[in-house]
Amino acid sequence: MVYIKREIEPELIKWLESREIIAVRGARQSGKTTLLMRIKEILNNDNVDDDRIHYISFEDDIIRLKFEENVKEFIEFHLTSKKKHYFLLDEVQYIKDAGKKLKLIFDSFSNIKIFITGSSSFDLTNLGSYLVGRVIFFNLYPFSFEEFLKSKDEKYEKLHRKIKVDIKKEITIEKTVFLDELNKLLHEYLTYGSYPRIVLEKNQDKKKELLRNLFITYVEKDIVGMYGIKYREKVVKLLKAIAYTSGNVINYETLSTNSDLKYHNVREILPLLEDSFVISIVRPFHKNLMNELRKNPKIYFLDYGIRNYLLETFDNIRFDYLYETFVHNELKRSYQVKYWRTTAKTEVDFVVLYGDKIVPLEVKIKPKITRSFRSFIQHYNPDKALILNLNILDKKNIDNCNIFMLPFVYI
């Protein structure tokens, strides 16, 4: 399988020789194991011998039980010299009391470097209570659009880097004659999703089968593991209900009815689905925090292929529903993202926050400055605003706010 360099790789390399444990959180099959193998390759290139690099997967129950029974003996067994050793520990969420055991390793051995991965943000975050000051966390999502383009042809990746806007910096509009090609690739990305194995598969029927297997694996290992077999079908129904309403402000009562789950179960399960990197919950933007917390969130799927699989819509996709999800997912990687809605139902799709700045952002197939958008600008006085659309590049100014109209693939 071809390795596509991940965007977080340079950040990981910065911490390669530091003392801290490096923890990579991400969905199943988002590329965590492949990333560990890439770290091994980088270490080999830095003249670290194989006998000082130890890849260990805790999906293997025999290895896991040995590790849990006597963690110090387990580590000592692998130390062949006093030189620095590197432990690449995969799927640590399976380890009982993982935080305590990793703390013991960290405090007992000064000549080792530990990398850990896990498929649940919740499980790995719990480690932080034991590893305060000892761990650096990274999130590994499925392929970004730029990583997807890299898998197709590095020329597209180079083009995307050239035109992509950084909301934190001054925005300049740069046209490209390859916009149609980028939009065509975007539609493929939004059809089958962003999981590396599925992106790299060229046969469309195999892509669908891989998505089916991925979802079944998630259901059997994560859903049943977290909630038990009695919740299996209900959580799948909940995911289907979310897929139908993705991008809308959620109604907990409706989700409860459609999933056969009790109201309080829905409220408990949604954050856990987010922690397992299936969905993303977007809270409303409001100056009054108490008012913000009382309002219901929006929910987006982090992978388009899983959403389409749940709806069985591969051959008749409404891309207008997916563009908003795409914009959210790309923004989420770099910014804090919320949405705005008033009691009068005046609404802006996204509000990007950084420092003391706020940037409203609308998603429209054809760009249009709505009354809601004007209302937000007049109320909050942002320096800039974005209207993302399919094909139009333009710039306008309203009330001293620069409004940039940019194609989706520019984000």
Protein backbone atom coordinates (compact mmCIF):
# COMPACT_ATOMS: atom_id res chain seq x y z
CA MET A 1 0.00 0.00 0.00
CA VAL A 2 1.35 3.45 -0.95
CA TYR A 3 2.09 5.68 2.05
CA ILE A 4 0.56 9.16 1.89
CA LYS A 5 2.41 11.55 4.16
CA ARG A 6 0.02 12.75 6.85
CA GLU A 7 -0.32 16.39 7.79
CA ILE A 8 0.46 15.74 11.46
CA GLU A 9 3.73 13.93 10.66
CA PRO A 10 5.97 17.04 10.93
CA GLU A 11 4.42 17.86 14.32
CA LEU A 12 5.13 14.34 15.59
CA ILE A 13 8.74 14.50 14.39
CA LYS A 14 9.28 17.65 16.47
CA TRP A 15 8.67 15.54 19.59
CA LEU A 16 10.57 12.46 18.41
CA GLU A 17 13.45 12.83 20.86
CA SER A 18 11.57 14.50 23.70
CA ARG A 19 10.90 12.70 26.96
CA GLU A 20 7.10 13.00 26.77
CA ILE A 21 4.79 10.18 25.69
CA ILE A 22 3.22 10.90 22.28
CA ALA A 23 -0.47 9.91 22.14
CA VAL A 24 -2.28 9.73 18.79
CA ARG A 25 -6.08 9.52 18.94
CA GLY A 26 -8.20 8.67 15.91
CA ALA A 27 -10.99 6.63 14.40
CA ARG A 28 -10.54 2.99 13.44
CA GLN A 29 -8.63 2.64 10.17
CA SER A 30 -7.75 6.34 10.08
CA GLY A 31 -4.10 5.37 9.64
CA LYS A 32 -2.75 5.15 13.20
CA THR A 33 -0.90 1.85 12.71
CA THR A 34 0.48 3.04 9.37
CA LEU A 35 1.68 6.20 11.11
CA LEU A 36 3.51 4.11 13.71
CA MET A 37 5.19 2.17 10.91
CA ARG A 38 6.19 5.49 9.36
CA ILE A 39 7.75 6.55 12.68
CA LYS A 40 9.70 3.29 12.69
CA GLU A 41 10.93 4.07 9.17
CA ILE A 42 12.00 7.57 10.23
CA LEU A 43 13.88 6.12 13.21
CA ASN A 44 15.58 3.56 10.98
CA ASN A 45 16.66 6.39 8.68
CA ASP A 46 18.15 8.09 11.74
CA ASN A 47 20.27 4.97 12.32
CA VAL A 48 18.17 3.48 15.10
CA ASP A 49 18.47 -0.31 14.86
CA ASP A 50 15.39 -2.52 14.66
CA ASP A 51 16.21 -4.19 17.99
CA ARG A 52 15.62 -0.82 19.71
CA ILE A 53 12.23 -0.22 18.07
CA HIS A 54 9.33 -2.27 19.46
CA TYR A 55 5.91 -2.25 17.79
CA ILE A 56 3.31 -3.85 20.08
CA SER A 57 -0.40 -4.20 19.30
CA PHE A 58 -2.75 -4.72 22.22
CA GLU A 59 -5.41 -6.15 19.95
CA ASP A 60 -3.41 -9.35 20.57
CA ASP A 61 -4.94 -10.63 23.82
CA ILE A 62 -1.93 -12.80 24.72
CA ILE A 63 0.44 -9.82 24.53
CA ARG A 64 -2.06 -7.60 26.36
CA LEU A 65 -2.41 -10.07 29.26
CA LYS A 66 1.38 -10.33 29.67
CA PHE A 67 1.67 -6.54 29.69
CA GLU A 68 -1.13 -6.19 32.26
CA GLU A 69 0.25 -8.90 34.56
CA ASN A 70 3.75 -7.42 34.98
CA VAL A 71 4.38 -4.26 33.02
CA LYS A 72 7.94 -3.66 34.29
CA GLU A 73 9.06 -7.19 33.37
CA PHE A 74 7.39 -6.80 29.97
CA ILE A 75 9.40 -3.63 29.21
CA GLU A 76 12.67 -4.96 30.66
CA PHE A 77 12.35 -8.06 28.45
CA HIS A 78 12.58 -5.85 25.35
CA LEU A 79 15.53 -3.73 26.52
CA THR A 80 18.59 -5.18 24.80
CA SER A 81 21.00 -2.36 25.66
CA LYS A 82 21.32 0.86 27.65
CA LYS A 83 20.76 2.88 24.49
CA LYS A 84 17.44 4.60 23.94
CA HIS A 85 14.57 2.28 23.00
CA TYR A 86 11.35 3.24 21.25
CA PHE A 87 8.03 1.59 22.11
CA LEU A 88 5.22 1.96 19.57
CA LEU A 89 2.14 0.83 21.51
CA ASP A 90 -0.94 0.38 19.31
CA GLU A 91 -4.59 0.35 20.52
CA VAL A 92 -3.84 1.05 24.19
CA GLN A 93 -7.55 1.48 24.97
CA TYR A 94 -7.66 -2.32 25.41
CA ILE A 95 -5.28 -2.18 28.38
CA LYS A 96 -6.81 -2.30 31.87
CA ASP A 97 -5.67 0.72 33.93
CA ALA A 98 -3.55 1.92 31.02
CA GLY A 99 -2.86 5.31 32.60
CA LYS A 100 -1.35 3.83 35.76
CA LYS A 101 0.76 1.36 33.81
CA LEU A 102 2.13 3.97 31.40
CA LYS A 103 2.96 6.27 34.31
CA LEU A 104 4.88 3.42 35.94
CA ILE A 105 6.85 2.83 32.72
CA PHE A 106 7.58 6.53 32.28
CA ASP A 107 8.77 6.96 35.87
CA SER A 108 10.76 3.69 35.98
CA PHE A 109 12.71 3.82 32.70
CA SER A 110 14.66 6.89 31.56
CA ASN A 111 16.03 5.37 28.35
CA ILE A 112 12.76 4.80 26.49
CA LYS A 113 10.44 6.84 24.28
CA ILE A 114 6.77 5.85 24.11
CA PHE A 115 4.26 6.38 21.30
CA ILE A 116 0.69 5.26 21.94
CA THR A 117 -2.44 5.13 19.77
CA GLY A 118 -6.09 4.56 20.52
CA SER A 119 -9.42 4.74 18.72
CA SER A 120 -11.34 6.47 21.49
CA SER A 121 -10.66 10.05 22.51
CA PHE A 122 -12.50 9.37 25.77
CA ASP A 123 -10.21 6.49 26.75
CA LEU A 124 -7.00 8.29 25.88
CA THR A 125 -8.10 11.53 27.55
CA ASN A 126 -8.60 9.53 30.75
CA LEU A 127 -4.90 8.69 30.56
CA GLY A 128 -4.15 12.37 30.95
CA SER A 129 -5.24 12.32 34.59
CA TYR A 130 -2.35 9.91 35.32
CA LEU A 131 0.12 11.40 32.85
CA VAL A 132 -0.08 15.12 33.60
CA GLY A 133 3.11 16.70 32.26
CA ARG A 134 4.13 13.39 30.69
CA VAL A 135 2.03 13.19 27.50
CA ILE A 136 1.40 15.21 24.31
CA PHE A 137 -1.89 14.50 22.48
CA PHE A 138 -2.51 14.56 18.72
CA ASN A 139 -5.70 13.77 16.78
CA LEU A 140 -5.44 11.78 13.55
CA TYR A 141 -8.51 12.15 11.36
CA PRO A 142 -9.13 10.31 8.08
CA PHE A 143 -7.61 11.99 5.01
CA SER A 144 -8.14 15.72 4.68
CA PHE A 145 -9.04 16.93 1.21
CA GLU A 146 -5.42 17.88 0.63
CA GLU A 147 -4.22 14.42 1.68
CA PHE A 148 -6.88 12.95 -0.61
CA LEU A 149 -5.56 15.08 -3.50
CA LYS A 150 -2.03 13.92 -2.74
CA SER A 151 -3.20 10.33 -3.12
CA LYS A 152 -4.53 11.17 -6.60
CA ASP A 153 -1.65 13.24 -7.94
CA GLU A 154 0.84 15.46 -6.14
CA LYS A 155 0.16 18.17 -8.73
CA TYR A 156 -3.34 18.58 -7.28
CA GLU A 157 -1.93 18.77 -3.77
CA LYS A 158 0.52 21.48 -4.87
CA LEU A 159 -2.31 23.42 -6.53
CA HIS A 160 -4.48 23.15 -3.41
CA ARG A 161 -1.69 24.49 -1.23
CA LYS A 162 -1.38 27.44 -3.58
CA ILE A 163 -5.07 28.44 -3.51
CA LYS A 164 -6.09 27.34 0.01
CA VAL A 165 -6.99 30.23 2.32
CA ASP A 166 -5.78 30.67 5.88
CA ILE A 167 -8.58 32.45 7.72
CA LYS A 168 -6.14 33.76 10.32
CA LYS A 169 -4.15 35.62 7.66
CA GLU A 170 -4.92 38.20 5.00
CA ILE A 171 -6.98 36.55 2.26
CA THR A 172 -6.08 37.00 -1.39
CA ILE A 173 -8.21 35.67 -4.23
CA GLU A 174 -6.26 33.51 -6.66
CA LYS A 175 -8.08 31.98 -9.62
CA THR A 176 -7.27 28.58 -11.11
CA VAL A 177 -8.17 27.11 -14.49
CA PHE A 178 -8.34 23.67 -12.83
CA LEU A 179 -11.39 24.44 -10.67
CA ASP A 180 -13.63 21.98 -12.55
CA GLU A 181 -11.11 19.19 -12.00
CA LEU A 182 -10.87 19.98 -8.30
CA ASN A 183 -14.67 19.98 -8.00
CA LYS A 184 -14.85 16.60 -9.71
CA LEU A 185 -12.33 15.21 -7.24
CA LEU A 186 -14.29 16.82 -4.40
CA HIS A 187 -17.39 14.90 -5.49
CA GLU A 188 -15.46 11.62 -5.37
CA TYR A 189 -14.16 12.55 -1.91
CA LEU A 190 -17.70 13.31 -0.72
CA THR A 191 -19.06 10.07 -2.20
CA TYR A 192 -16.77 7.43 -0.72
CA GLY A 193 -15.24 9.35 2.13
CA SER A 194 -11.83 9.91 3.58
CA TYR A 195 -10.63 6.66 5.16
CA PRO A 196 -7.16 5.93 3.71
CA ARG A 197 -7.81 2.31 2.68
CA ILE A 198 -11.00 3.31 0.87
CA VAL A 199 -9.44 6.35 -0.81
CA LEU A 200 -6.58 4.26 -2.15
CA GLU A 201 -8.90 1.53 -3.51
CA LYS A 202 -9.66 2.25 -7.18
CA ASN A 203 -12.63 -0.09 -7.71
CA GLN A 204 -15.95 1.54 -6.74
CA ASP A 205 -17.66 -1.72 -5.76
CA LYS A 206 -14.73 -2.59 -3.51
CA LYS A 207 -14.91 0.89 -1.95
CA LYS A 208 -18.54 0.22 -0.98
CA GLU A 209 -17.66 -3.21 0.42
CA LEU A 210 -14.78 -1.75 2.43
CA LEU A 211 -17.14 0.87 3.87
CA ARG A 212 -19.61 -1.84 4.83
CA ASN A 213 -16.88 -3.85 6.56
CA LEU A 214 -15.55 -0.75 8.30
CA PHE A 215 -18.97 0.09 9.69
CA ILE A 216 -19.62 -3.50 10.81
CA THR A 217 -16.24 -3.55 12.58
CA TYR A 218 -17.07 -0.26 14.30
CA VAL A 219 -20.47 -1.57 15.41
CA GLU A 220 -19.14 -4.89 16.69
CA LYS A 221 -16.01 -3.59 18.43
CA ASP A 222 -16.87 -0.09 19.60
CA ILE A 223 -20.64 0.10 19.96
CA VAL A 224 -21.08 -3.35 21.49
CA GLY A 225 -17.92 -2.83 23.53
CA MET A 226 -19.14 0.48 24.97
CA TYR A 227 -22.86 -0.13 25.37
CA GLY A 228 -23.40 -3.90 25.23
CA ILE A 229 -25.25 -6.03 22.69
CA LYS A 230 -28.71 -4.78 23.76
CA TYR A 231 -27.90 -1.28 22.45
CA ARG A 232 -26.43 -2.47 19.14
CA GLU A 233 -29.46 -1.94 16.88
CA LYS A 234 -30.62 1.18 18.72
CA VAL A 235 -27.29 2.96 18.30
CA VAL A 236 -27.27 2.05 14.60
CA LYS A 237 -30.77 3.54 14.35
CA LEU A 238 -29.48 6.64 16.12
CA LEU A 239 -26.65 6.97 13.61
CA LYS A 240 -29.11 6.62 10.74
CA ALA A 241 -31.32 9.33 12.26
CA ILE A 242 -28.30 11.63 12.57
CA ALA A 243 -27.35 10.90 8.96
CA TYR A 244 -30.81 12.06 7.82
CA THR A 245 -30.60 15.30 9.80
CA SER A 246 -26.84 16.00 9.57
CA GLY A 247 -26.11 19.72 9.64
CA ASN A 248 -29.41 20.70 11.23
CA VAL A 249 -29.91 21.76 14.83
CA ILE A 250 -30.74 18.49 16.54
CA ASN A 251 -33.91 17.64 18.41
CA TYR A 252 -33.20 15.15 21.19
CA GLU A 253 -36.82 14.02 21.41
CA THR A 254 -36.92 13.21 17.68
CA LEU A 255 -33.62 11.30 17.88
CA SER A 256 -34.99 9.38 20.87
CA THR A 257 -38.16 8.42 19.00
CA ASN A 258 -36.32 7.39 15.83
CA SER A 259 -33.73 5.29 17.65
CA ASP A 260 -35.93 3.69 20.34
CA LEU A 261 -33.47 5.04 22.90
CA LYS A 262 -34.59 6.95 25.97
CA TYR A 263 -34.04 10.71 25.96
CA HIS A 264 -31.28 10.57 28.59
CA ASN A 265 -29.57 7.70 26.72
CA VAL A 266 -29.38 9.84 23.56
CA ARG A 267 -27.81 12.70 25.51
CA GLU A 268 -25.28 10.29 27.06
CA ILE A 269 -24.41 8.44 23.85
CA LEU A 270 -23.87 11.40 21.50
CA PRO A 271 -20.69 12.63 23.28
CA LEU A 272 -19.35 9.06 23.26
CA LEU A 273 -19.97 8.83 19.50
CA GLU A 274 -17.97 12.03 19.19
CA ASP A 275 -15.21 10.58 21.36
CA SER A 276 -14.95 7.60 19.00
CA PHE A 277 -14.46 10.02 16.06
CA VAL A 278 -17.69 9.17 14.23
CA ILE A 279 -19.51 12.47 14.64
CA SER A 280 -18.63 16.05 15.52
CA ILE A 281 -20.89 18.13 17.76
CA VAL A 282 -20.97 21.87 16.99
CA ARG A 283 -22.17 24.20 19.73
CA PRO A 284 -23.87 27.56 19.12
CA PHE A 285 -21.97 30.84 19.25
CA HIS A 286 -23.27 33.25 21.85
CA LYS A 287 -21.75 35.98 24.01
CA ASN A 288 -23.71 34.66 26.99
CA LEU A 289 -22.30 31.23 27.85
CA MET A 290 -25.39 30.12 29.78
CA ASN A 291 -27.60 30.87 26.78
CA GLU A 292 -25.17 28.99 24.55
CA LEU A 293 -25.28 25.88 26.73
CA ARG A 294 -29.08 25.82 26.69
CA LYS A 295 -29.26 25.68 22.91
CA ASN A 296 -29.12 22.41 21.01
CA PRO A 297 -26.04 21.66 18.88
CA LYS A 298 -25.60 20.63 15.27
CA ILE A 299 -24.04 17.27 14.37
CA TYR A 300 -21.85 16.35 11.40
CA PHE A 301 -20.36 13.02 10.34
CA LEU A 302 -16.58 13.09 10.21
CA ASP A 303 -16.61 10.73 7.23
CA TYR A 304 -18.82 11.18 4.19
CA GLY A 305 -18.66 7.54 3.11
CA ILE A 306 -20.04 6.29 6.44
CA ARG A 307 -22.89 8.81 6.21
CA ASN A 308 -23.67 7.72 2.63
CA TYR A 309 -23.48 4.04 3.61
CA LEU A 310 -26.03 4.61 6.39
CA LEU A 311 -28.38 6.32 3.93
CA GLU A 312 -27.63 3.90 1.07
CA THR A 313 -27.25 6.84 -1.32
CA PHE A 314 -24.05 6.18 -3.29
CA ASP A 315 -25.81 6.35 -6.64
CA ASN A 316 -28.05 9.33 -5.95
CA ILE A 317 -26.12 11.71 -3.73
CA ARG A 318 -27.36 15.19 -2.84
CA PHE A 319 -24.05 17.00 -2.69
CA ASP A 320 -25.70 20.18 -1.38
CA TYR A 321 -26.13 18.37 1.96
CA LEU A 322 -22.50 17.27 1.97
CA TYR A 323 -20.83 20.59 1.13
CA GLU A 324 -21.64 21.96 4.57
CA THR A 325 -20.23 18.83 6.22
CA PHE A 326 -17.10 19.16 4.10
CA VAL A 327 -16.57 22.78 5.13
CA HIS A 328 -17.08 21.90 8.79
CA ASN A 329 -14.63 18.99 8.67
CA GLU A 330 -11.92 21.03 6.97
CA LEU A 331 -12.36 23.95 9.38
CA LYS A 332 -12.37 21.66 12.42
CA ARG A 333 -8.78 20.60 11.77
CA SER A 334 -7.42 24.11 12.36
CA TYR A 335 -10.01 26.28 14.08
CA GLN A 336 -12.62 26.42 16.81
CA VAL A 337 -15.96 26.23 14.99
CA LYS A 338 -19.47 27.12 16.16
CA TYR A 339 -22.75 28.13 14.53
CA TRP A 340 -25.05 31.13 15.13
CA ARG A 341 -28.79 31.11 15.49
CA THR A 342 -31.15 33.54 17.22
CA THR A 343 -34.57 32.93 18.75
CA ALA A 344 -35.97 34.53 15.58
CA LYS A 345 -34.18 31.72 13.64
CA THR A 346 -31.70 34.10 12.04
CA GLU A 347 -28.80 31.77 11.30
CA VAL A 348 -25.21 31.65 10.03
CA ASP A 349 -23.75 28.23 9.16
CA PHE A 350 -20.41 28.62 10.96
CA VAL A 351 -18.55 31.07 13.15
CA VAL A 352 -14.78 30.56 13.23
CA LEU A 353 -13.03 31.72 16.39
CA TYR A 354 -9.33 32.45 16.85
CA GLY A 355 -7.80 34.76 19.42
CA ASP A 356 -10.28 37.61 19.87
CA LYS A 357 -11.42 37.39 16.23
CA ILE A 358 -14.67 36.00 14.86
CA VAL A 359 -15.31 35.15 11.20
CA PRO A 360 -18.82 34.24 9.98
CA LEU A 361 -18.98 31.70 7.17
CA GLU A 362 -21.89 30.63 4.97
CA VAL A 363 -22.15 27.58 2.69
CA LYS A 364 -24.14 28.15 -0.52
CA ILE A 365 -23.98 26.42 -3.90
CA LYS A 366 -24.58 29.86 -5.43
CA PRO A 367 -23.22 32.72 -3.30
CA LYS A 368 -25.74 35.06 -1.76
CA ILE A 369 -25.46 37.62 1.03
CA THR A 370 -28.52 36.82 3.12
CA ARG A 371 -30.33 39.00 5.62
CA SER A 372 -29.03 36.71 8.40
CA PHE A 373 -25.46 37.18 7.23
CA ARG A 374 -25.88 40.96 7.17
CA SER A 375 -27.43 40.84 10.63
CA PHE A 376 -24.44 38.98 12.08
CA ILE A 377 -21.98 41.42 10.46
CA GLN A 378 -23.86 44.43 11.79
CA HIS A 379 -24.13 42.92 15.28
CA TYR A 380 -20.56 41.63 15.75
CA ASN A 381 -18.50 43.82 13.33
CA PRO A 382 -16.08 41.18 12.02
CA ASP A 383 -13.17 42.29 9.80
CA LYS A 384 -13.89 39.57 7.25
CA ALA A 385 -16.49 36.98 6.31
CA LEU A 386 -16.63 34.08 3.87
CA ILE A 387 -19.32 32.69 1.59
CA LEU A 388 -18.16 29.34 0.28
CA ASN A 389 -19.77 28.14 -2.94
CA LEU A 390 -19.19 25.89 -5.93
CA ASN A 391 -17.59 28.12 -8.56
CA ILE A 392 -17.56 31.87 -7.83
CA LEU A 393 -14.60 33.98 -6.71
CA ASP A 394 -15.47 37.52 -5.70
CA LYS A 395 -15.02 40.13 -2.97
CA LYS A 396 -17.48 42.66 -1.55
CA ASN A 397 -17.49 45.07 1.39
CA ILE A 398 -20.41 45.63 3.74
CA ASP A 399 -20.15 47.79 6.86
CA ASN A 400 -16.32 47.70 6.72
CA CYS A 401 -16.34 43.90 6.53
CA ASN A 402 -14.58 42.24 3.59
CA ILE A 403 -16.76 39.41 2.30
CA PHE A 404 -14.88 36.80 0.28
CA MET A 405 -16.79 34.48 -2.03
CA LEU A 406 -14.67 31.39 -2.61
CA PRO A 407 -15.19 27.88 -4.00
CA PHE A 408 -15.44 25.07 -1.45
CA VAL A 409 -12.10 23.64 -2.53
CA TYR A 410 -10.33 26.81 -1.33
CA ILE A 411 -10.97 26.03 2.33
